[in-house]
């Protein structure tokens, strides 16, 4: 489903892998030019930029498996912050155990998506993700909201 003509969505990708960012950006661009993907790799920068932002993103894609960072701690920080907890967080990570998936949902993740190494599969997943989050559901209203 295409986005409404006046709709623009901001997504933050928290992932240290520049290749993942490149391929995700390409997949989002293939779906819509009304989506902006921002790439952050440092937890402190992520939280500080969100807390000081004039608008909050429509969605956060969070990789749990990053060197030196516990993605669950970041997810917990996002969901415990009164100003950030309503922003949907989609965990975007490599293969995970059932226990890890359950832990994601218990910590407040909105969805869990397993990364794909195949660009066509990635584009299909991104199309479904966008159709769901930006067309099928009504995102929460919060004071610092983007127009998605």
N, C-alpha and C. Protein backbone atom coordinates (compact mmCIF):
# COMPACT_ATOMS: atom_id res chain seq x y z
N UNK A 1 0.83 -1.18 0.00
CA UNK A 1 0.00 0.00 0.00
C UNK A 1 0.88 1.24 0.00
N UNK A 2 0.61 2.18 -0.87
CA UNK A 2 1.40 3.41 -0.86
C UNK A 2 1.02 4.29 0.33
N UNK A 3 1.96 5.11 0.73
CA UNK A 3 1.67 6.07 1.79
C UNK A 3 0.78 7.17 1.24
N UNK A 4 0.03 7.84 2.12
CA UNK A 4 -0.77 8.99 1.69
C UNK A 4 0.17 10.05 1.11
N UNK A 5 -0.34 10.85 0.19
CA UNK A 5 0.52 11.82 -0.49
C UNK A 5 1.13 12.84 0.46
N UNK A 6 0.48 13.15 1.56
CA UNK A 6 1.01 14.13 2.51
C UNK A 6 1.74 13.48 3.68
N UNK A 7 1.97 12.21 3.59
CA UNK A 7 2.55 11.44 4.69
C UNK A 7 4.06 11.31 4.51
N UNK A 8 4.80 11.55 5.58
CA UNK A 8 6.24 11.32 5.57
C UNK A 8 6.61 10.64 6.89
N UNK A 9 7.35 9.56 6.80
CA UNK A 9 7.70 8.77 7.97
C UNK A 9 9.19 8.84 8.24
N UNK A 10 9.52 9.01 9.50
CA UNK A 10 10.91 9.02 9.95
C UNK A 10 11.16 7.74 10.73
N UNK A 11 12.22 7.03 10.35
CA UNK A 11 12.59 5.79 11.02
C UNK A 11 14.02 5.92 11.50
N UNK A 12 14.27 5.49 12.72
CA UNK A 12 15.65 5.43 13.22
C UNK A 12 16.08 3.97 13.22
N UNK A 13 17.22 3.72 12.60
CA UNK A 13 17.85 2.40 12.63
C UNK A 13 19.00 2.47 13.61
N UNK A 14 18.96 1.63 14.64
CA UNK A 14 20.07 1.52 15.58
C UNK A 14 20.78 0.21 15.27
N UNK A 15 21.88 0.32 14.54
CA UNK A 15 22.60 -0.86 14.06
C UNK A 15 24.01 -0.42 13.70
N UNK A 16 25.02 -1.16 14.16
CA UNK A 16 26.40 -0.77 13.89
C UNK A 16 26.88 -1.16 12.50
N UNK A 17 26.13 -1.97 11.79
CA UNK A 17 26.56 -2.50 10.50
C UNK A 17 26.18 -1.55 9.37
N UNK A 18 27.19 -0.92 8.77
CA UNK A 18 26.94 0.02 7.67
C UNK A 18 26.32 -0.68 6.46
N UNK A 19 26.68 -1.94 6.24
CA UNK A 19 26.08 -2.68 5.12
C UNK A 19 24.58 -2.88 5.34
N UNK A 20 24.20 -3.22 6.57
CA UNK A 20 22.77 -3.36 6.87
C UNK A 20 22.04 -2.05 6.59
N UNK A 21 22.64 -0.94 7.01
CA UNK A 21 22.04 0.37 6.75
C UNK A 21 21.88 0.61 5.25
N UNK A 22 22.93 0.34 4.50
CA UNK A 22 22.89 0.55 3.05
C UNK A 22 21.75 -0.25 2.41
N UNK A 23 21.66 -1.54 2.74
CA UNK A 23 20.64 -2.39 2.11
C UNK A 23 19.23 -2.06 2.61
N UNK A 24 19.12 -1.70 3.88
CA UNK A 24 17.81 -1.28 4.40
C UNK A 24 17.36 0.02 3.74
N UNK A 25 18.28 0.96 3.62
CA UNK A 25 17.94 2.24 2.98
C UNK A 25 17.47 2.00 1.55
N UNK A 26 18.17 1.13 0.85
CA UNK A 26 17.79 0.78 -0.52
C UNK A 26 16.39 0.15 -0.55
N UNK A 27 16.10 -0.72 0.40
CA UNK A 27 14.79 -1.39 0.45
C UNK A 27 13.68 -0.39 0.77
N UNK A 28 13.93 0.53 1.70
CA UNK A 28 12.92 1.55 2.01
C UNK A 28 12.69 2.47 0.81
N UNK A 29 13.77 2.85 0.12
CA UNK A 29 13.63 3.71 -1.06
C UNK A 29 12.87 3.01 -2.17
N UNK A 30 13.04 1.70 -2.28
CA UNK A 30 12.30 0.94 -3.30
C UNK A 30 10.81 0.93 -2.97
N UNK A 31 10.49 1.04 -1.69
CA UNK A 31 9.08 1.03 -1.28
C UNK A 31 8.46 2.42 -1.39
N UNK A 32 9.16 3.45 -0.93
CA UNK A 32 8.58 4.79 -0.90
C UNK A 32 9.66 5.84 -0.73
N UNK A 33 9.48 6.96 -1.42
CA UNK A 33 10.40 8.09 -1.22
C UNK A 33 9.91 9.00 -0.09
N UNK A 34 8.88 8.58 0.61
CA UNK A 34 8.32 9.36 1.72
C UNK A 34 8.78 8.83 3.08
N UNK A 35 9.81 8.01 3.05
CA UNK A 35 10.36 7.45 4.28
C UNK A 35 11.82 7.86 4.38
N UNK A 36 12.18 8.42 5.53
CA UNK A 36 13.57 8.79 5.78
C UNK A 36 14.12 7.85 6.85
N UNK A 37 15.25 7.22 6.54
CA UNK A 37 15.90 6.30 7.46
C UNK A 37 17.15 6.97 8.03
N UNK A 38 17.18 7.13 9.35
CA UNK A 38 18.33 7.71 10.04
C UNK A 38 19.10 6.57 10.70
N UNK A 39 20.42 6.66 10.67
CA UNK A 39 21.27 5.57 11.16
C UNK A 39 22.06 6.05 12.37
N UNK A 40 21.89 5.37 13.50
CA UNK A 40 22.65 5.67 14.71
C UNK A 40 23.29 4.38 15.22
N UNK A 41 24.47 4.54 15.84
CA UNK A 41 25.21 3.36 16.30
C UNK A 41 25.60 3.40 17.77
N UNK A 42 25.40 4.53 18.42
CA UNK A 42 25.82 4.69 19.81
C UNK A 42 24.60 4.86 20.71
N UNK A 43 24.46 4.04 21.76
CA UNK A 43 23.27 4.13 22.61
C UNK A 43 23.06 5.51 23.23
N UNK A 44 24.13 6.13 23.70
CA UNK A 44 23.99 7.45 24.32
C UNK A 44 23.49 8.47 23.31
N UNK A 45 24.01 8.40 22.08
CA UNK A 45 23.56 9.30 21.02
C UNK A 45 22.10 9.04 20.68
N UNK A 46 21.72 7.78 20.62
CA UNK A 46 20.33 7.43 20.32
C UNK A 46 19.39 8.05 21.35
N UNK A 47 19.65 7.80 22.62
CA UNK A 47 18.75 8.29 23.67
C UNK A 47 18.77 9.81 23.75
N UNK A 48 19.96 10.42 23.64
CA UNK A 48 20.05 11.88 23.71
C UNK A 48 19.34 12.54 22.53
N UNK A 49 19.52 11.98 21.33
CA UNK A 49 18.87 12.59 20.16
C UNK A 49 17.36 12.45 20.23
N UNK A 50 16.88 11.34 20.75
CA UNK A 50 15.43 11.17 20.90
C UNK A 50 14.86 12.10 21.96
N UNK A 51 15.57 12.25 23.06
CA UNK A 51 15.07 13.08 24.15
C UNK A 51 15.08 14.56 23.79
N UNK A 52 15.98 14.97 22.91
CA UNK A 52 16.07 16.39 22.53
C UNK A 52 15.40 16.69 21.20
N UNK A 53 14.85 15.69 20.54
CA UNK A 53 14.27 15.88 19.21
C UNK A 53 13.01 16.74 19.27
N UNK A 54 12.80 17.51 18.20
CA UNK A 54 11.56 18.29 18.11
C UNK A 54 10.40 17.40 17.68
N UNK A 55 10.70 16.33 16.95
CA UNK A 55 9.68 15.33 16.61
C UNK A 55 10.27 13.95 16.86
N UNK A 56 9.43 13.04 17.26
CA UNK A 56 9.86 11.66 17.47
C UNK A 56 9.68 10.86 16.19
N UNK A 57 10.46 9.81 16.02
CA UNK A 57 10.31 9.00 14.81
C UNK A 57 9.01 8.21 14.81
N UNK A 58 8.60 7.79 13.64
CA UNK A 58 7.42 6.95 13.50
C UNK A 58 7.70 5.55 14.01
N UNK A 59 8.98 5.14 13.92
CA UNK A 59 9.36 3.77 14.22
C UNK A 59 10.85 3.72 14.53
N UNK A 60 11.25 2.82 15.41
CA UNK A 60 12.66 2.56 15.68
C UNK A 60 12.94 1.11 15.33
N UNK A 61 13.96 0.89 14.50
CA UNK A 61 14.46 -0.45 14.21
C UNK A 61 15.70 -0.65 15.06
N UNK A 62 15.68 -1.65 15.91
CA UNK A 62 16.74 -1.85 16.90
C UNK A 62 17.41 -3.20 16.72
N UNK A 63 18.70 -3.17 16.42
CA UNK A 63 19.48 -4.40 16.37
C UNK A 63 19.95 -4.70 17.79
N UNK A 64 19.66 -5.89 18.27
CA UNK A 64 20.06 -6.26 19.63
C UNK A 64 21.50 -6.74 19.71
N UNK A 65 22.03 -7.21 18.61
CA UNK A 65 23.32 -7.89 18.64
C UNK A 65 24.42 -6.97 18.09
N UNK A 66 24.87 -6.08 18.97
CA UNK A 66 25.92 -5.15 18.61
C UNK A 66 27.08 -5.29 19.58
N UNK A 67 28.29 -5.18 19.06
CA UNK A 67 29.49 -5.30 19.90
C UNK A 67 29.47 -4.24 21.00
N UNK A 68 29.64 -4.69 22.23
CA UNK A 68 29.78 -3.76 23.34
C UNK A 68 28.48 -3.14 23.83
N UNK A 69 27.36 -3.45 23.21
CA UNK A 69 26.08 -2.88 23.63
C UNK A 69 25.09 -4.01 23.87
N UNK A 70 24.38 -3.92 24.97
CA UNK A 70 23.32 -4.88 25.23
C UNK A 70 22.02 -4.28 24.69
N UNK A 71 21.55 -4.82 23.60
CA UNK A 71 20.34 -4.31 22.97
C UNK A 71 19.13 -4.35 23.88
N UNK A 72 19.09 -5.32 24.79
CA UNK A 72 17.98 -5.39 25.74
C UNK A 72 18.00 -4.20 26.69
N UNK A 73 19.20 -3.75 27.08
CA UNK A 73 19.29 -2.56 27.93
C UNK A 73 18.76 -1.34 27.18
N UNK A 74 19.09 -1.23 25.91
CA UNK A 74 18.62 -0.10 25.11
C UNK A 74 17.10 -0.16 24.96
N UNK A 75 16.58 -1.34 24.67
CA UNK A 75 15.13 -1.51 24.56
C UNK A 75 14.45 -1.13 25.88
N UNK A 76 15.00 -1.59 26.99
CA UNK A 76 14.44 -1.24 28.31
C UNK A 76 14.48 0.26 28.55
N UNK A 77 15.58 0.91 28.18
CA UNK A 77 15.68 2.36 28.36
C UNK A 77 14.62 3.09 27.54
N UNK A 78 14.42 2.65 26.31
CA UNK A 78 13.40 3.29 25.46
C UNK A 78 12.01 3.12 26.05
N UNK A 79 11.71 1.94 26.53
CA UNK A 79 10.36 1.64 27.01
C UNK A 79 10.09 2.16 28.42
N UNK A 80 11.14 2.49 29.16
CA UNK A 80 10.95 3.05 30.50
C UNK A 80 10.89 4.57 30.50
N UNK A 81 11.29 5.19 29.40
CA UNK A 81 11.26 6.65 29.30
C UNK A 81 9.84 7.10 28.97
N UNK A 82 9.26 7.93 29.81
CA UNK A 82 7.87 8.34 29.65
C UNK A 82 7.62 9.04 28.31
N UNK A 83 8.62 9.71 27.76
CA UNK A 83 8.46 10.44 26.49
C UNK A 83 8.70 9.56 25.27
N UNK A 84 9.34 8.42 25.46
CA UNK A 84 9.73 7.57 24.32
C UNK A 84 8.98 6.25 24.26
N UNK A 85 8.36 5.84 25.34
CA UNK A 85 7.83 4.48 25.42
C UNK A 85 6.72 4.17 24.41
N UNK A 86 6.03 5.18 23.90
CA UNK A 86 4.97 4.92 22.93
C UNK A 86 5.47 4.76 21.50
N UNK A 87 6.73 5.11 21.25
CA UNK A 87 7.29 4.95 19.91
C UNK A 87 7.45 3.45 19.65
N UNK A 88 6.87 2.94 18.57
CA UNK A 88 7.02 1.51 18.29
C UNK A 88 8.49 1.15 18.04
N UNK A 89 8.92 0.07 18.68
CA UNK A 89 10.28 -0.44 18.49
C UNK A 89 10.19 -1.82 17.87
N UNK A 90 10.75 -1.95 16.68
CA UNK A 90 10.82 -3.23 16.00
C UNK A 90 12.24 -3.75 16.18
N UNK A 91 12.37 -4.87 16.85
CA UNK A 91 13.69 -5.49 16.99
C UNK A 91 14.04 -6.10 15.65
N UNK A 92 15.20 -5.73 15.14
CA UNK A 92 15.68 -6.11 13.82
C UNK A 92 17.03 -6.76 14.04
N UNK A 93 17.06 -8.07 14.05
CA UNK A 93 18.29 -8.73 14.46
C UNK A 93 18.49 -10.04 13.72
N UNK A 94 19.71 -10.55 13.84
CA UNK A 94 20.03 -11.85 13.23
C UNK A 94 19.31 -12.94 14.03
N UNK A 95 19.53 -14.16 13.65
CA UNK A 95 18.84 -15.30 14.27
C UNK A 95 18.82 -15.18 15.79
N UNK A 96 17.66 -15.46 16.36
CA UNK A 96 17.48 -15.36 17.80
C UNK A 96 16.83 -16.63 18.32
N UNK A 97 17.10 -16.94 19.57
CA UNK A 97 16.44 -18.09 20.20
C UNK A 97 15.00 -17.71 20.55
N UNK A 98 14.18 -18.71 20.80
CA UNK A 98 12.81 -18.45 21.24
C UNK A 98 12.80 -17.64 22.53
N UNK A 99 13.73 -17.94 23.41
CA UNK A 99 13.82 -17.22 24.68
C UNK A 99 14.15 -15.74 24.45
N UNK A 100 15.06 -15.46 23.51
CA UNK A 100 15.39 -14.07 23.21
C UNK A 100 14.19 -13.33 22.60
N UNK A 101 13.46 -14.00 21.72
CA UNK A 101 12.27 -13.38 21.12
C UNK A 101 11.26 -13.06 22.22
N UNK A 102 11.01 -14.02 23.11
CA UNK A 102 10.08 -13.79 24.22
C UNK A 102 10.54 -12.61 25.08
N UNK A 103 11.84 -12.56 25.34
CA UNK A 103 12.40 -11.47 26.15
C UNK A 103 12.15 -10.12 25.47
N UNK A 104 12.27 -10.06 24.16
CA UNK A 104 12.01 -8.82 23.42
C UNK A 104 10.59 -8.33 23.67
N UNK A 105 9.64 -9.22 23.52
CA UNK A 105 8.24 -8.83 23.71
C UNK A 105 7.96 -8.46 25.17
N UNK A 106 8.55 -9.19 26.10
CA UNK A 106 8.36 -8.87 27.52
C UNK A 106 8.94 -7.51 27.87
N UNK A 107 10.00 -7.11 27.15
CA UNK A 107 10.63 -5.81 27.39
C UNK A 107 9.91 -4.67 26.67
N UNK A 108 8.92 -5.00 25.85
CA UNK A 108 8.13 -3.94 25.21
C UNK A 108 8.31 -3.78 23.72
N UNK A 109 9.04 -4.70 23.08
CA UNK A 109 9.18 -4.60 21.62
C UNK A 109 7.81 -4.72 20.96
N UNK A 110 7.60 -3.96 19.91
CA UNK A 110 6.34 -4.01 19.17
C UNK A 110 6.31 -5.18 18.20
N UNK A 111 7.47 -5.53 17.68
CA UNK A 111 7.62 -6.65 16.74
C UNK A 111 9.05 -7.14 16.80
N UNK A 112 9.26 -8.35 16.32
CA UNK A 112 10.60 -8.90 16.16
C UNK A 112 10.70 -9.41 14.73
N UNK A 113 11.72 -8.92 14.01
CA UNK A 113 11.93 -9.31 12.62
C UNK A 113 13.36 -9.83 12.50
N UNK A 114 13.51 -10.98 11.88
CA UNK A 114 14.84 -11.56 11.66
C UNK A 114 15.41 -11.01 10.36
N UNK A 115 16.67 -10.56 10.42
CA UNK A 115 17.34 -10.00 9.25
C UNK A 115 17.45 -11.04 8.14
N UNK A 116 17.41 -10.55 6.91
CA UNK A 116 17.62 -11.41 5.75
C UNK A 116 18.86 -10.95 5.01
N UNK A 117 19.63 -11.89 4.49
CA UNK A 117 20.80 -11.55 3.68
C UNK A 117 20.45 -11.39 2.21
N UNK A 118 19.24 -11.72 1.85
CA UNK A 118 18.80 -11.67 0.45
C UNK A 118 18.04 -10.36 0.22
N UNK A 119 18.49 -9.56 -0.76
CA UNK A 119 17.88 -8.24 -0.98
C UNK A 119 16.40 -8.34 -1.36
N UNK A 120 16.02 -9.33 -2.16
CA UNK A 120 14.61 -9.47 -2.52
C UNK A 120 13.75 -9.80 -1.31
N UNK A 121 14.25 -10.68 -0.45
CA UNK A 121 13.53 -10.99 0.80
C UNK A 121 13.46 -9.76 1.69
N UNK A 122 14.56 -9.02 1.75
CA UNK A 122 14.60 -7.81 2.56
C UNK A 122 13.56 -6.80 2.06
N UNK A 123 13.49 -6.60 0.76
CA UNK A 123 12.51 -5.66 0.20
C UNK A 123 11.08 -6.12 0.48
N UNK A 124 10.84 -7.41 0.43
CA UNK A 124 9.50 -7.95 0.74
C UNK A 124 9.16 -7.68 2.20
N UNK A 125 10.10 -7.94 3.10
CA UNK A 125 9.86 -7.71 4.52
C UNK A 125 9.62 -6.23 4.79
N UNK A 126 10.41 -5.36 4.16
CA UNK A 126 10.23 -3.92 4.35
C UNK A 126 8.88 -3.47 3.81
N UNK A 127 8.46 -4.01 2.70
CA UNK A 127 7.13 -3.67 2.15
C UNK A 127 6.04 -4.04 3.15
N UNK A 128 6.13 -5.24 3.72
CA UNK A 128 5.13 -5.67 4.71
C UNK A 128 5.20 -4.81 5.97
N UNK A 129 6.42 -4.52 6.40
CA UNK A 129 6.60 -3.70 7.59
C UNK A 129 5.98 -2.32 7.38
N UNK A 130 6.23 -1.70 6.24
CA UNK A 130 5.68 -0.37 5.95
C UNK A 130 4.16 -0.43 5.78
N UNK A 131 3.68 -1.44 5.09
CA UNK A 131 2.23 -1.56 4.92
C UNK A 131 1.54 -1.68 6.28
N UNK A 132 2.15 -2.45 7.16
CA UNK A 132 1.54 -2.62 8.48
C UNK A 132 1.63 -1.34 9.31
N UNK A 133 2.86 -0.84 9.52
CA UNK A 133 3.06 0.27 10.45
C UNK A 133 2.56 1.61 9.92
N UNK A 134 2.58 1.81 8.61
CA UNK A 134 2.27 3.14 8.08
C UNK A 134 0.96 3.20 7.31
N UNK A 135 0.30 2.07 7.11
CA UNK A 135 -0.98 2.07 6.40
C UNK A 135 -2.08 1.36 7.19
N UNK A 136 -1.78 0.18 7.72
CA UNK A 136 -2.83 -0.63 8.34
C UNK A 136 -3.19 -0.19 9.76
N UNK A 137 -2.22 0.28 10.52
CA UNK A 137 -2.48 0.63 11.91
C UNK A 137 -2.45 2.14 12.10
N UNK A 138 -3.07 2.57 13.17
CA UNK A 138 -3.00 3.97 13.58
C UNK A 138 -1.89 4.08 14.61
N UNK A 139 -0.85 4.82 14.30
CA UNK A 139 0.26 4.99 15.24
C UNK A 139 -0.19 5.86 16.41
N UNK A 140 0.47 5.72 17.56
CA UNK A 140 0.08 6.53 18.72
C UNK A 140 0.32 8.01 18.45
N UNK A 141 -0.49 8.84 19.08
CA UNK A 141 -0.28 10.27 19.00
C UNK A 141 0.55 10.68 20.20
N UNK A 142 1.63 11.37 19.96
CA UNK A 142 2.42 11.93 21.05
C UNK A 142 2.84 13.33 20.64
N UNK A 143 3.14 14.13 21.62
CA UNK A 143 3.35 15.56 21.39
C UNK A 143 4.43 15.84 20.35
N UNK A 144 5.52 15.11 20.39
CA UNK A 144 6.62 15.35 19.45
C UNK A 144 6.52 14.33 18.32
N UNK A 145 5.50 14.41 17.54
CA UNK A 145 5.20 13.37 16.56
C UNK A 145 5.56 13.82 15.14
N UNK A 146 6.05 12.88 14.34
CA UNK A 146 6.19 13.14 12.92
C UNK A 146 4.82 12.96 12.29
N UNK A 147 4.67 13.32 11.02
CA UNK A 147 3.33 13.30 10.41
C UNK A 147 2.99 11.97 9.77
N UNK A 148 3.58 10.91 10.22
CA UNK A 148 3.30 9.60 9.67
C UNK A 148 2.10 8.98 10.35
